[in-house]
């Protein structure tokens, strides 16, 4: 999901998406630790997606939007 799509969502939806991505990141870390990670590039994709979501959340907070 790109940043423009994320900006259309409200704070609650963004926080839910952030939680979902963090769970995905945790699962990927566990797969890596057990040697079952098939696509290492997924870790990079999820990490960047988390950063995008956090950036949009901070933009909305600074703009004065409330949950």
PDB file of N, CA and C in Angstrom:
ATOM      1  N   UNK A   1       0.839  -1.163   0.000  1.00  0.00           N
ATOM      2  CA  UNK A   1       0.000   0.000   0.000  1.00  0.00           C
ATOM      3  C   UNK A   1       0.894   1.239   0.000  1.00  0.00           C
ATOM      4  N   UNK A   2       0.583   2.194  -0.843  1.00  0.00           N
ATOM      5  CA  UNK A   2       1.424   3.383  -0.897  1.00  0.00           C
ATOM      6  C   UNK A   2       0.907   4.459   0.053  1.00  0.00           C
ATOM      7  N   UNK A   3       1.694   5.513   0.213  1.00  0.00           N
ATOM      8  CA  UNK A   3       1.390   6.540   1.214  1.00  0.00           C
ATOM      9  C   UNK A   3       0.093   7.274   0.900  1.00  0.00           C
ATOM     10  N   UNK A   4      -0.223   7.482  -0.357  1.00  0.00           N
ATOM     11  CA  UNK A   4      -1.459   8.199  -0.683  1.00  0.00           C
ATOM     12  C   UNK A   4      -2.691   7.390  -0.266  1.00  0.00           C
ATOM     13  N   UNK A   5      -2.632   6.077  -0.389  1.00  0.00           N
ATOM     14  CA  UNK A   5      -3.741   5.235   0.064  1.00  0.00           C
ATOM     15  C   UNK A   5      -3.844   5.270   1.580  1.00  0.00           C
ATOM     16  N   UNK A   6      -2.700   5.319   2.255  1.00  0.00           N
ATOM     17  CA  UNK A   6      -2.704   5.364   3.711  1.00  0.00           C
ATOM     18  C   UNK A   6      -3.262   6.691   4.221  1.00  0.00           C
ATOM     19  N   UNK A   7      -2.994   7.773   3.510  1.00  0.00           N
ATOM     20  CA  UNK A   7      -3.470   9.093   3.941  1.00  0.00           C
ATOM     21  C   UNK A   7      -4.990   9.190   3.885  1.00  0.00           C
ATOM     22  N   UNK A   8      -5.630   8.355   3.091  1.00  0.00           N
ATOM     23  CA  UNK A   8      -7.095   8.366   2.996  1.00  0.00           C
ATOM     24  C   UNK A   8      -7.756   7.697   4.196  1.00  0.00           C
ATOM     25  N   UNK A   9      -7.014   6.919   4.960  1.00  0.00           N
ATOM     26  CA  UNK A   9      -7.572   6.210   6.110  1.00  0.00           C
ATOM     27  C   UNK A   9      -7.548   7.090   7.352  1.00  0.00           C
ATOM     28  N   UNK A  10      -8.407   6.756   8.321  1.00  0.00           N
ATOM     29  CA  UNK A  10      -8.391   7.500   9.572  1.00  0.00           C
ATOM     30  C   UNK A  10      -7.383   6.867  10.535  1.00  0.00           C
ATOM     31  N   UNK A  11      -7.176   7.506  11.681  1.00  0.00           N
ATOM     32  CA  UNK A  11      -6.142   7.054  12.621  1.00  0.00           C
ATOM     33  C   UNK A  11      -6.394   5.646  13.140  1.00  0.00           C
ATOM     34  N   UNK A  12      -7.645   5.318  13.424  1.00  0.00           N
ATOM     35  CA  UNK A  12      -7.946   3.974  13.945  1.00  0.00           C
ATOM     36  C   UNK A  12      -7.605   2.899  12.924  1.00  0.00           C
ATOM     37  N   UNK A  13      -7.918   3.162  11.676  1.00  0.00           N
ATOM     38  CA  UNK A  13      -7.605   2.199  10.613  1.00  0.00           C
ATOM     39  C   UNK A  13      -6.096   2.066  10.437  1.00  0.00           C
ATOM     40  N   UNK A  14      -5.388   3.187  10.554  1.00  0.00           N
ATOM     41  CA  UNK A  14      -3.931   3.149  10.428  1.00  0.00           C
ATOM     42  C   UNK A  14      -3.301   2.367  11.580  1.00  0.00           C
ATOM     43  N   UNK A  15      -3.811   2.562  12.787  1.00  0.00           N
ATOM     44  CA  UNK A  15      -3.274   1.826  13.923  1.00  0.00           C
ATOM     45  C   UNK A  15      -3.543   0.334  13.803  1.00  0.00           C
ATOM     46  N   UNK A  16      -4.705  -0.031  13.262  1.00  0.00           N
ATOM     47  CA  UNK A  16      -5.015  -1.442  13.027  1.00  0.00           C
ATOM     48  C   UNK A  16      -4.076  -2.030  11.980  1.00  0.00           C
ATOM     49  N   UNK A  17      -3.819  -1.265  10.923  1.00  0.00           N
ATOM     50  CA  UNK A  17      -2.895  -1.711   9.872  1.00  0.00           C
ATOM     51  C   UNK A  17      -1.477  -1.864  10.422  1.00  0.00           C
ATOM     52  N   UNK A  18      -1.078  -0.929  11.296  1.00  0.00           N
ATOM     53  CA  UNK A  18       0.239  -1.000  11.919  1.00  0.00           C
ATOM     54  C   UNK A  18       0.372  -2.264  12.757  1.00  0.00           C
ATOM     55  N   UNK A  19      -0.652  -2.581  13.525  1.00  0.00           N
ATOM     56  CA  UNK A  19      -0.637  -3.790  14.339  1.00  0.00           C
ATOM     57  C   UNK A  19      -0.527  -5.042  13.468  1.00  0.00           C
ATOM     58  N   UNK A  20      -1.262  -5.046  12.373  1.00  0.00           N
ATOM     59  CA  UNK A  20      -1.220  -6.177  11.445  1.00  0.00           C
ATOM     60  C   UNK A  20       0.178  -6.358  10.846  1.00  0.00           C
ATOM     61  N   UNK A  21       0.802  -5.253  10.455  1.00  0.00           N
ATOM     62  CA  UNK A  21       2.139  -5.319   9.864  1.00  0.00           C
ATOM     63  C   UNK A  21       3.185  -5.736  10.894  1.00  0.00           C
ATOM     64  N   UNK A  22       3.020  -5.307  12.133  1.00  0.00           N
ATOM     65  CA  UNK A  22       3.962  -5.723  13.172  1.00  0.00           C
ATOM     66  C   UNK A  22       3.850  -7.209  13.450  1.00  0.00           C
ATOM     67  N   UNK A  23       2.633  -7.745  13.386  1.00  0.00           N
ATOM     68  CA  UNK A  23       2.453  -9.191  13.539  1.00  0.00           C
ATOM     69  C   UNK A  23       3.123  -9.938  12.387  1.00  0.00           C
ATOM     70  N   UNK A  24       2.986  -9.393  11.184  1.00  0.00           N
ATOM     71  CA  UNK A  24       3.627 -10.003  10.015  1.00  0.00           C
ATOM     72  C   UNK A  24       5.144  -9.973  10.171  1.00  0.00           C
ATOM     73  N   UNK A  25       5.667  -8.851  10.687  1.00  0.00           N
ATOM     74  CA  UNK A  25       7.101  -8.726  10.908  1.00  0.00           C
ATOM     75  C   UNK A  25       7.583  -9.749  11.935  1.00  0.00           C
ATOM     76  N   UNK A  26       6.824  -9.937  12.992  1.00  0.00           N
ATOM     77  CA  UNK A  26       7.181 -10.922  14.009  1.00  0.00           C
ATOM     78  C   UNK A  26       7.213 -12.325  13.407  1.00  0.00           C
ATOM     79  N   UNK A  27       6.194 -12.652  12.619  1.00  0.00           N
ATOM     80  CA  UNK A  27       6.149 -13.979  11.993  1.00  0.00           C
ATOM     81  C   UNK A  27       7.334 -14.194  11.054  1.00  0.00           C
ATOM     82  N   UNK A  28       7.704 -13.154  10.316  1.00  0.00           N
ATOM     83  CA  UNK A  28       8.857 -13.273   9.420  1.00  0.00           C
ATOM     84  C   UNK A  28      10.153 -13.463  10.210  1.00  0.00           C
ATOM     85  N   UNK A  29      10.270 -12.775  11.347  1.00  0.00           N
ATOM     86  CA  UNK A  29      11.468 -12.953  12.182  1.00  0.00           C
ATOM     87  C   UNK A  29      11.553 -14.375  12.715  1.00  0.00           C
ATOM     88  N   UNK A  30      10.411 -14.947  13.087  1.00  0.00           N
ATOM     89  CA  UNK A  30      10.404 -16.324  13.584  1.00  0.00           C
ATOM     90  C   UNK A  30      10.768 -17.300  12.464  1.00  0.00           C
ATOM     91  N   UNK A  31      10.275 -17.046  11.266  1.00  0.00           N
ATOM     92  CA  UNK A  31      10.625 -17.896  10.132  1.00  0.00           C
ATOM     93  C   UNK A  31      12.118 -17.825   9.845  1.00  0.00           C
ATOM     94  N   UNK A  32      12.688 -16.630   9.946  1.00  0.00           N
ATOM     95  CA  UNK A  32      14.114 -16.472   9.702  1.00  0.00           C
ATOM     96  C   UNK A  32      14.926 -17.222  10.749  1.00  0.00           C
ATOM     97  N   UNK A  33      14.493 -17.144  12.005  1.00  0.00           N
ATOM     98  CA  UNK A  33      15.220 -17.790  13.090  1.00  0.00           C
ATOM     99  C   UNK A  33      15.197 -19.313  12.960  1.00  0.00           C
ATOM    100  N   UNK A  34      14.110 -19.847  12.423  1.00  0.00           N
ATOM    101  CA  UNK A  34      14.006 -21.292  12.277  1.00  0.00           C
ATOM    102  C   UNK A  34      14.489 -21.780  10.916  1.00  0.00           C
ATOM    103  N   UNK A  35      14.933 -20.854  10.072  1.00  0.00           N
ATOM    104  CA  UNK A  35      15.458 -21.234   8.767  1.00  0.00           C
ATOM    105  C   UNK A  35      14.396 -21.541   7.744  1.00  0.00           C
ATOM    106  N   UNK A  36      13.175 -21.074   7.952  1.00  0.00           N
ATOM    107  CA  UNK A  36      12.078 -21.375   7.036  1.00  0.00           C
ATOM    108  C   UNK A  36      11.689 -20.189   6.151  1.00  0.00           C
ATOM    109  N   UNK A  37      12.433 -19.107   6.216  1.00  0.00           N
ATOM    110  CA  UNK A  37      12.084 -17.907   5.456  1.00  0.00           C
ATOM    111  C   UNK A  37      12.411 -18.126   3.985  1.00  0.00           C
ATOM    112  N   UNK A  38      11.373 -18.171   3.147  1.00  0.00           N
ATOM    113  CA  UNK A  38      11.560 -18.446   1.727  1.00  0.00           C
ATOM    114  C   UNK A  38      11.933 -17.179   0.952  1.00  0.00           C
ATOM    115  N   UNK A  39      11.376 -16.040   1.354  1.00  0.00           N
ATOM    116  CA  UNK A  39      11.613 -14.787   0.623  1.00  0.00           C
ATOM    117  C   UNK A  39      12.139 -13.723   1.583  1.00  0.00           C
ATOM    118  N   UNK A  40      13.452 -13.559   1.662  1.00  0.00           N
ATOM    119  CA  UNK A  40      14.031 -12.567   2.576  1.00  0.00           C
ATOM    120  C   UNK A  40      13.620 -11.133   2.256  1.00  0.00           C
ATOM    121  N   UNK A  41      13.232 -10.868   1.014  1.00  0.00           N
ATOM    122  CA  UNK A  41      12.819  -9.515   0.654  1.00  0.00           C
ATOM    123  C   UNK A  41      11.503  -9.103   1.316  1.00  0.00           C
ATOM    124  N   UNK A  42      10.742 -10.067   1.806  1.00  0.00           N
ATOM    125  CA  UNK A  42       9.504  -9.752   2.511  1.00  0.00           C
ATOM    126  C   UNK A  42       9.775  -8.967   3.789  1.00  0.00           C
ATOM    127  N   UNK A  43      10.891  -9.263   4.454  1.00  0.00           N
ATOM    128  CA  UNK A  43      11.233  -8.542   5.675  1.00  0.00           C
ATOM    129  C   UNK A  43      11.446  -7.064   5.376  1.00  0.00           C
ATOM    130  N   UNK A  44      12.110  -6.767   4.293  1.00  0.00           N
ATOM    131  CA  UNK A  44      12.349  -5.382   3.894  1.00  0.00           C
ATOM    132  C   UNK A  44      11.034  -4.696   3.541  1.00  0.00           C
ATOM    133  N   UNK A  45      10.172  -5.394   2.808  1.00  0.00           N
ATOM    134  CA  UNK A  45       8.892  -4.817   2.407  1.00  0.00           C
ATOM    135  C   UNK A  45       8.041  -4.468   3.623  1.00  0.00           C
ATOM    136  N   UNK A  46       7.971  -5.381   4.590  1.00  0.00           N
ATOM    137  CA  UNK A  46       7.161  -5.149   5.779  1.00  0.00           C
ATOM    138  C   UNK A  46       7.753  -4.017   6.616  1.00  0.00           C
ATOM    139  N   UNK A  47       9.067  -3.980   6.738  1.00  0.00           N
ATOM    140  CA  UNK A  47       9.707  -2.920   7.520  1.00  0.00           C
ATOM    141  C   UNK A  47       9.407  -1.544   6.911  1.00  0.00           C
ATOM    142  N   UNK A  48       9.467  -1.452   5.600  1.00  0.00           N
ATOM    143  CA  UNK A  48       9.178  -0.181   4.931  1.00  0.00           C
ATOM    144  C   UNK A  48       7.705   0.182   5.051  1.00  0.00           C
ATOM    145  N   UNK A  49       6.833  -0.806   5.001  1.00  0.00           N
ATOM    146  CA  UNK A  49       5.404  -0.550   5.152  1.00  0.00           C
ATOM    147  C   UNK A  49       5.097  -0.006   6.549  1.00  0.00           C
ATOM    148  N   UNK A  50       5.753  -0.559   7.565  1.00  0.00           N
ATOM    149  CA  UNK A  50       5.594  -0.059   8.931  1.00  0.00           C
ATOM    150  C   UNK A  50       6.053   1.391   9.005  1.00  0.00           C
ATOM    151  N   UNK A  51       7.168   1.704   8.385  1.00  0.00           N
ATOM    152  CA  UNK A  51       7.681   3.070   8.396  1.00  0.00           C
ATOM    153  C   UNK A  51       6.706   4.024   7.701  1.00  0.00           C
ATOM    154  N   UNK A  52       6.112   3.592   6.586  1.00  0.00           N
ATOM    155  CA  UNK A  52       5.137   4.426   5.885  1.00  0.00           C
ATOM    156  C   UNK A  52       3.926   4.723   6.773  1.00  0.00           C
ATOM    157  N   UNK A  53       3.437   3.692   7.432  1.00  0.00           N
ATOM    158  CA  UNK A  53       2.257   3.851   8.283  1.00  0.00           C
ATOM    159  C   UNK A  53       2.566   4.795   9.437  1.00  0.00           C
ATOM    160  N   UNK A  54       3.716   4.606  10.071  1.00  0.00           N
ATOM    161  CA  UNK A  54       4.084   5.475  11.187  1.00  0.00           C
ATOM    162  C   UNK A  54       4.264   6.923  10.732  1.00  0.00           C
ATOM    163  N   UNK A  55       4.788   7.122   9.549  1.00  0.00           N
ATOM    164  CA  UNK A  55       4.959   8.469   9.014  1.00  0.00           C
ATOM    165  C   UNK A  55       3.609   9.152   8.808  1.00  0.00           C
ATOM    166  N   UNK A  56       2.660   8.429   8.227  1.00  0.00           N
ATOM    167  CA  UNK A  56       1.339   9.000   7.982  1.00  0.00           C
ATOM    168  C   UNK A  56       0.627   9.275   9.305  1.00  0.00           C
ATOM    169  N   UNK A  57       0.773   8.387  10.280  1.00  0.00           N
ATOM    170  CA  UNK A  57       0.173   8.616  11.596  1.00  0.00           C
ATOM    171  C   UNK A  57       0.732   9.894  12.208  1.00  0.00           C
ATOM    172  N   UNK A  58       2.043  10.069  12.159  1.00  0.00           N
ATOM    173  CA  UNK A  58       2.654  11.276  12.712  1.00  0.00           C
ATOM    174  C   UNK A  58       2.217  12.529  11.955  1.00  0.00           C
ATOM    175  N   UNK A  59       2.065  12.439  10.647  1.00  0.00           N
ATOM    176  CA  UNK A  59       1.582  13.581   9.868  1.00  0.00           C
ATOM    177  C   UNK A  59       0.184  13.983  10.317  1.00  0.00           C
ATOM    178  N   UNK A  60      -0.676  12.983  10.515  1.00  0.00           N
ATOM    179  CA  UNK A  60      -2.052  13.264  10.925  1.00  0.00           C
ATOM    180  C   UNK A  60      -2.091  13.850  12.343  1.00  0.00           C
ATOM    181  N   UNK A  61      -1.266  13.355  13.231  1.00  0.00           N
ATOM    182  CA  UNK A  61      -1.238  13.879  14.595  1.00  0.00           C
ATOM    183  C   UNK A  61      -0.762  15.333  14.595  1.00  0.00           C
ATOM    184  N   UNK A  62       0.268  15.611  13.831  1.00  0.00           N
ATOM    185  CA  UNK A  62       0.773  16.986  13.762  1.00  0.00           C
ATOM    186  C   UNK A  62      -0.209  17.933  13.101  1.00  0.00           C
ATOM    187  N   UNK A  63      -1.037  17.416  12.205  1.00  0.00           N
ATOM    188  CA  UNK A  63      -2.045  18.239  11.545  1.00  0.00           C
ATOM    189  C   UNK A  63      -3.239  18.487  12.456  1.00  0.00           C
ATOM    190  N   UNK A  64      -3.278  17.795  13.589  1.00  0.00           N
ATOM    191  CA  UNK A  64      -4.343  18.014  14.556  1.00  0.00           C
ATOM    192  C   UNK A  64      -5.514  17.071  14.428  1.00  0.00           C
ATOM    193  N   UNK A  65      -5.393  16.042  13.647  1.00  0.00           N
ATOM    194  CA  UNK A  65      -6.474  15.096  13.526  1.00  0.00           C
ATOM    195  C   UNK A  65      -6.538  14.225  14.769  1.00  0.00           C
ATOM    196  N   UNK A  66      -7.746  13.942  15.236  1.00  0.00           N
ATOM    197  CA  UNK A  66      -7.913  13.118  16.433  1.00  0.00           C
ATOM    198  C   UNK A  66      -8.455  11.757  16.051  1.00  0.00           C
ATOM    199  N   UNK A  67      -8.286  10.822  16.964  1.00  0.00           N
ATOM    200  CA  UNK A  67      -8.754   9.460  16.721  1.00  0.00           C
ATOM    201  C   UNK A  67     -10.208   9.421  16.832  1.00  0.00           C
TER     202      UNK A  67
END
